[in-house]
Amino acid sequence: MIAAGIESLEWLVLAQHRGDQETFVPIGSNGFLRAGEAAARFDQQPVEACATIAACLTAFRLTGKNDWLEESHRVFRWFLGSNDLQVPLYDAATGGCRDGLHPDRVNENQGAESTLSFLMALLDMQATLGPHARQPDLEMSTSL
């Protein structure tokens, strides 16, 4: 079961690397995937990033492979502005997380699902890295 899960996660991570291969691009929720068509690029949702981080960190704990840890960092940076629009979803002033990315703008709402997704991802990263980890992509977010 672990091997099948890792294989599925490898497929998903590859599907969520588009363009420069360094930017996490979750499959969007604007429409359904139909055979022979491209997956929706937008609307990108924080819950997808949170779930991907949790899966990558679980894969890291199971395999010890640093590639999974690196992928979790790549995905976390999506919250901080390493995304298609180069706009942070996490708002340090409010402690909230914006609701997602549209093709032309960030969704300014800061709903509970999005904020909880960011906070769960942050807690997962800190639990894996330890409370004193000094990772560049976490410094901004740890001032909650």
C-alpha atoms as a PDB file:
ATOM      1  CA  MET A   1       0.000   0.000   0.000  1.00  0.00           C
ATOM      2  CA  ILE A   2       2.845   2.377   0.780  1.00  0.00           C
ATOM      3  CA  ALA A   3       4.452   1.764  -2.614  1.00  0.00           C
ATOM      4  CA  ALA A   4       1.133   2.400  -4.375  1.00  0.00           C
ATOM      5  CA  GLY A   5       0.625   5.593  -2.365  1.00  0.00           C
ATOM      6  CA  ILE A   6       4.122   6.862  -3.151  1.00  0.00           C
ATOM      7  CA  GLU A   7       3.641   6.082  -6.837  1.00  0.00           C
ATOM      8  CA  SER A   8       0.323   7.951  -6.861  1.00  0.00           C
ATOM      9  CA  LEU A   9       1.888  10.921  -5.077  1.00  0.00           C
ATOM     10  CA  GLU A  10       4.768  10.987  -7.566  1.00  0.00           C
ATOM     11  CA  TRP A  11       2.193  11.197 -10.376  1.00  0.00           C
ATOM     12  CA  LEU A  12       0.246  13.965  -8.637  1.00  0.00           C
ATOM     13  CA  VAL A  13       3.354  16.027  -7.882  1.00  0.00           C
ATOM     14  CA  LEU A  14       4.471  15.757 -11.504  1.00  0.00           C
ATOM     15  CA  ALA A  15       1.005  16.875 -12.656  1.00  0.00           C
ATOM     16  CA  GLN A  16       1.279  19.918 -10.375  1.00  0.00           C
ATOM     17  CA  HIS A  17       4.648  21.051 -11.769  1.00  0.00           C
ATOM     18  CA  ARG A  18       4.074  23.178 -14.788  1.00  0.00           C
ATOM     19  CA  GLY A  19       6.152  25.755 -16.552  1.00  0.00           C
ATOM     20  CA  ASP A  20       9.423  26.329 -14.727  1.00  0.00           C
ATOM     21  CA  GLN A  21       9.074  23.106 -12.694  1.00  0.00           C
ATOM     22  CA  GLU A  22       9.843  25.112  -9.542  1.00  0.00           C
ATOM     23  CA  THR A  23       6.364  26.521  -9.072  1.00  0.00           C
ATOM     24  CA  PHE A  24       3.585  24.482  -7.518  1.00  0.00           C
ATOM     25  CA  VAL A  25       0.421  24.765  -9.594  1.00  0.00           C
ATOM     26  CA  PRO A  26      -2.456  22.848  -8.033  1.00  0.00           C
ATOM     27  CA  ILE A  27      -5.062  21.561 -10.425  1.00  0.00           C
ATOM     28  CA  GLY A  28      -7.780  24.177 -10.486  1.00  0.00           C
ATOM     29  CA  SER A  29     -11.391  23.755  -9.483  1.00  0.00           C
ATOM     30  CA  ASN A  30     -12.849  25.752 -12.386  1.00  0.00           C
ATOM     31  CA  GLY A  31     -14.403  22.951 -14.416  1.00  0.00           C
ATOM     32  CA  PHE A  32     -14.049  19.214 -14.743  1.00  0.00           C
ATOM     33  CA  LEU A  33     -11.232  17.291 -16.385  1.00  0.00           C
ATOM     34  CA  ARG A  34     -12.454  15.649 -19.558  1.00  0.00           C
ATOM     35  CA  ALA A  35     -10.539  12.990 -21.462  1.00  0.00           C
ATOM     36  CA  GLY A  36      -8.104  14.530 -23.912  1.00  0.00           C
ATOM     37  CA  GLU A  37      -8.388  18.020 -22.426  1.00  0.00           C
ATOM     38  CA  ALA A  38      -6.029  19.932 -20.178  1.00  0.00           C
ATOM     39  CA  ALA A  39      -6.725  20.178 -16.452  1.00  0.00           C
ATOM     40  CA  ALA A  40      -8.096  23.489 -15.219  1.00  0.00           C
ATOM     41  CA  ARG A  41      -5.276  25.841 -14.241  1.00  0.00           C
ATOM     42  CA  PHE A  42      -7.518  28.004 -12.037  1.00  0.00           C
ATOM     43  CA  ASP A  43      -9.149  28.451  -9.505  1.00  0.00           C
ATOM     44  CA  GLN A  44      -6.267  27.290  -7.330  1.00  0.00           C
ATOM     45  CA  GLN A  45      -7.281  26.537  -3.744  1.00  0.00           C
ATOM     46  CA  PRO A  46      -5.281  26.540  -0.466  1.00  0.00           C
ATOM     47  CA  VAL A  47      -6.790  23.204   0.562  1.00  0.00           C
ATOM     48  CA  GLU A  48      -4.930  21.559  -2.349  1.00  0.00           C
ATOM     49  CA  ALA A  49      -1.605  22.966  -1.166  1.00  0.00           C
ATOM     50  CA  CYS A  50      -2.286  21.866   2.417  1.00  0.00           C
ATOM     51  CA  ALA A  51      -3.141  18.307   1.364  1.00  0.00           C
ATOM     52  CA  THR A  52      -0.098  18.077  -0.904  1.00  0.00           C
ATOM     53  CA  ILE A  53       2.201  19.264   1.888  1.00  0.00           C
ATOM     54  CA  ALA A  54       0.746  16.696   4.301  1.00  0.00           C
ATOM     55  CA  ALA A  55       1.189  13.923   1.726  1.00  0.00           C
ATOM     56  CA  CYS A  56       4.781  14.942   0.900  1.00  0.00           C
ATOM     57  CA  LEU A  57       5.764  15.124   4.562  1.00  0.00           C
ATOM     58  CA  THR A  58       4.225  11.706   5.178  1.00  0.00           C
ATOM     59  CA  ALA A  59       6.205  10.343   2.216  1.00  0.00           C
ATOM     60  CA  PHE A  60       9.350  11.956   3.670  1.00  0.00           C
ATOM     61  CA  ARG A  61       8.769  10.319   7.061  1.00  0.00           C
ATOM     62  CA  LEU A  62       8.135   6.926   5.432  1.00  0.00           C
ATOM     63  CA  THR A  63      11.002   6.962   2.936  1.00  0.00           C
ATOM     64  CA  GLY A  64      13.543   9.380   4.394  1.00  0.00           C
ATOM     65  CA  LYS A  65      13.999  10.809   0.889  1.00  0.00           C
ATOM     66  CA  ASN A  66      14.800  14.516   0.932  1.00  0.00           C
ATOM     67  CA  ASP A  67      13.020  14.998  -2.416  1.00  0.00           C
ATOM     68  CA  TRP A  68       9.739  14.864  -0.498  1.00  0.00           C
ATOM     69  CA  LEU A  69      10.907  17.462   1.977  1.00  0.00           C
ATOM     70  CA  GLU A  70      12.025  19.709  -0.886  1.00  0.00           C
ATOM     71  CA  GLU A  71       8.637  19.282  -2.541  1.00  0.00           C
ATOM     72  CA  SER A  72       6.846  20.262   0.666  1.00  0.00           C
ATOM     73  CA  HIS A  73       8.918  23.485   0.716  1.00  0.00           C
ATOM     74  CA  ARG A  74       8.075  24.178  -2.930  1.00  0.00           C
ATOM     75  CA  VAL A  75       4.376  23.774  -2.216  1.00  0.00           C
ATOM     76  CA  PHE A  76       4.517  25.870   0.975  1.00  0.00           C
ATOM     77  CA  ARG A  77       6.096  28.726  -0.964  1.00  0.00           C
ATOM     78  CA  TRP A  78       2.873  28.812  -3.041  1.00  0.00           C
ATOM     79  CA  PHE A  79       1.177  30.349   0.020  1.00  0.00           C
ATOM     80  CA  LEU A  80       3.936  32.974   0.250  1.00  0.00           C
ATOM     81  CA  GLY A  81       3.840  34.164  -3.359  1.00  0.00           C
ATOM     82  CA  SER A  82       5.718  31.600  -5.419  1.00  0.00           C
ATOM     83  CA  ASN A  83       2.658  30.965  -7.586  1.00  0.00           C
ATOM     84  CA  ASP A  84       1.252  31.846 -10.997  1.00  0.00           C
ATOM     85  CA  LEU A  85       0.389  35.405  -9.954  1.00  0.00           C
ATOM     86  CA  GLN A  86       3.440  36.023  -7.724  1.00  0.00           C
ATOM     87  CA  VAL A  87       1.058  37.187  -4.969  1.00  0.00           C
ATOM     88  CA  PRO A  88       1.081  35.849  -1.398  1.00  0.00           C
ATOM     89  CA  LEU A  89      -2.082  34.195  -0.196  1.00  0.00           C
ATOM     90  CA  TYR A  90      -0.985  34.332   3.437  1.00  0.00           C
ATOM     91  CA  ASP A  91      -1.639  37.773   4.939  1.00  0.00           C
ATOM     92  CA  ALA A  92       0.761  38.496   7.806  1.00  0.00           C
ATOM     93  CA  ALA A  93      -1.287  41.548   8.854  1.00  0.00           C
ATOM     94  CA  THR A  94      -4.452  39.547   9.525  1.00  0.00           C
ATOM     95  CA  GLY A  95      -3.035  36.048  10.036  1.00  0.00           C
ATOM     96  CA  GLY A  96      -5.515  34.868   7.422  1.00  0.00           C
ATOM     97  CA  CYS A  97      -5.125  33.190   4.082  1.00  0.00           C
ATOM     98  CA  ARG A  98      -6.804  34.372   0.912  1.00  0.00           C
ATOM     99  CA  ASP A  99      -9.216  31.959  -0.709  1.00  0.00           C
ATOM    100  CA  GLY A 100      -7.305  31.202  -3.881  1.00  0.00           C
ATOM    101  CA  LEU A 101      -6.019  32.294  -7.240  1.00  0.00           C
ATOM    102  CA  HIS A 102      -8.150  33.277 -10.228  1.00  0.00           C
ATOM    103  CA  PRO A 103      -6.519  33.719 -13.646  1.00  0.00           C
ATOM    104  CA  ASP A 104      -6.285  37.491 -13.197  1.00  0.00           C
ATOM    105  CA  ARG A 105      -6.334  38.105  -9.440  1.00  0.00           C
ATOM    106  CA  VAL A 106      -6.156  36.670  -5.960  1.00  0.00           C
ATOM    107  CA  ASN A 107      -9.471  35.997  -4.224  1.00  0.00           C
ATOM    108  CA  GLU A 108      -9.296  38.492  -1.354  1.00  0.00           C
ATOM    109  CA  ASN A 109     -11.729  36.608   0.893  1.00  0.00           C
ATOM    110  CA  GLN A 110     -10.033  35.001   3.888  1.00  0.00           C
ATOM    111  CA  GLY A 111     -12.367  32.172   4.734  1.00  0.00           C
ATOM    112  CA  ALA A 112     -11.943  29.630   7.505  1.00  0.00           C
ATOM    113  CA  GLU A 113     -11.134  26.754   5.125  1.00  0.00           C
ATOM    114  CA  SER A 114      -8.283  28.690   3.520  1.00  0.00           C
ATOM    115  CA  THR A 115      -6.880  30.030   6.779  1.00  0.00           C
ATOM    116  CA  LEU A 116      -7.047  26.604   8.397  1.00  0.00           C
ATOM    117  CA  SER A 117      -5.364  25.081   5.342  1.00  0.00           C
ATOM    118  CA  PHE A 118      -2.457  27.493   5.710  1.00  0.00           C
ATOM    119  CA  LEU A 119      -2.204  26.959   9.469  1.00  0.00           C
ATOM    120  CA  MET A 120      -2.316  23.152   9.146  1.00  0.00           C
ATOM    121  CA  ALA A 121       0.389  23.294   6.468  1.00  0.00           C
ATOM    122  CA  LEU A 122       2.503  25.546   8.689  1.00  0.00           C
ATOM    123  CA  LEU A 123       2.085  23.219  11.677  1.00  0.00           C
ATOM    124  CA  ASP A 124       2.951  20.178   9.565  1.00  0.00           C
ATOM    125  CA  MET A 125       6.099  21.889   8.284  1.00  0.00           C
ATOM    126  CA  GLN A 126       7.151  22.968  11.778  1.00  0.00           C
ATOM    127  CA  ALA A 127       6.430  19.531  13.256  1.00  0.00           C
ATOM    128  CA  THR A 128       8.637  17.901  10.646  1.00  0.00           C
ATOM    129  CA  LEU A 129      11.424  20.489  10.709  1.00  0.00           C
ATOM    130  CA  GLY A 130      11.386  21.079  14.458  1.00  0.00           C
ATOM    131  CA  PRO A 131      10.538  24.241  16.383  1.00  0.00           C
ATOM    132  CA  HIS A 132      13.930  25.885  15.830  1.00  0.00           C
ATOM    133  CA  ALA A 133      14.257  25.254  12.092  1.00  0.00           C
ATOM    134  CA  ARG A 134      15.542  28.293  10.223  1.00  0.00           C
ATOM    135  CA  GLN A 135      14.165  27.727   6.763  1.00  0.00           C
ATOM    136  CA  PRO A 136      14.006  30.806   4.512  1.00  0.00           C
ATOM    137  CA  ASP A 137      10.493  30.061   3.280  1.00  0.00           C
ATOM    138  CA  LEU A 138       9.132  29.704   6.810  1.00  0.00           C
ATOM    139  CA  GLU A 139      10.610  32.834   8.402  1.00  0.00           C
ATOM    140  CA  MET A 140       7.827  35.133   7.212  1.00  0.00           C
ATOM    141  CA  SER A 141       5.048  32.805   8.295  1.00  0.00           C
ATOM    142  CA  THR A 142       6.290  31.975  11.786  1.00  0.00           C
ATOM    143  CA  SER A 143       5.493  35.464  13.086  1.00  0.00           C
ATOM    144  CA  LEU A 144       1.866  34.463  13.682  1.00  0.00           C
END
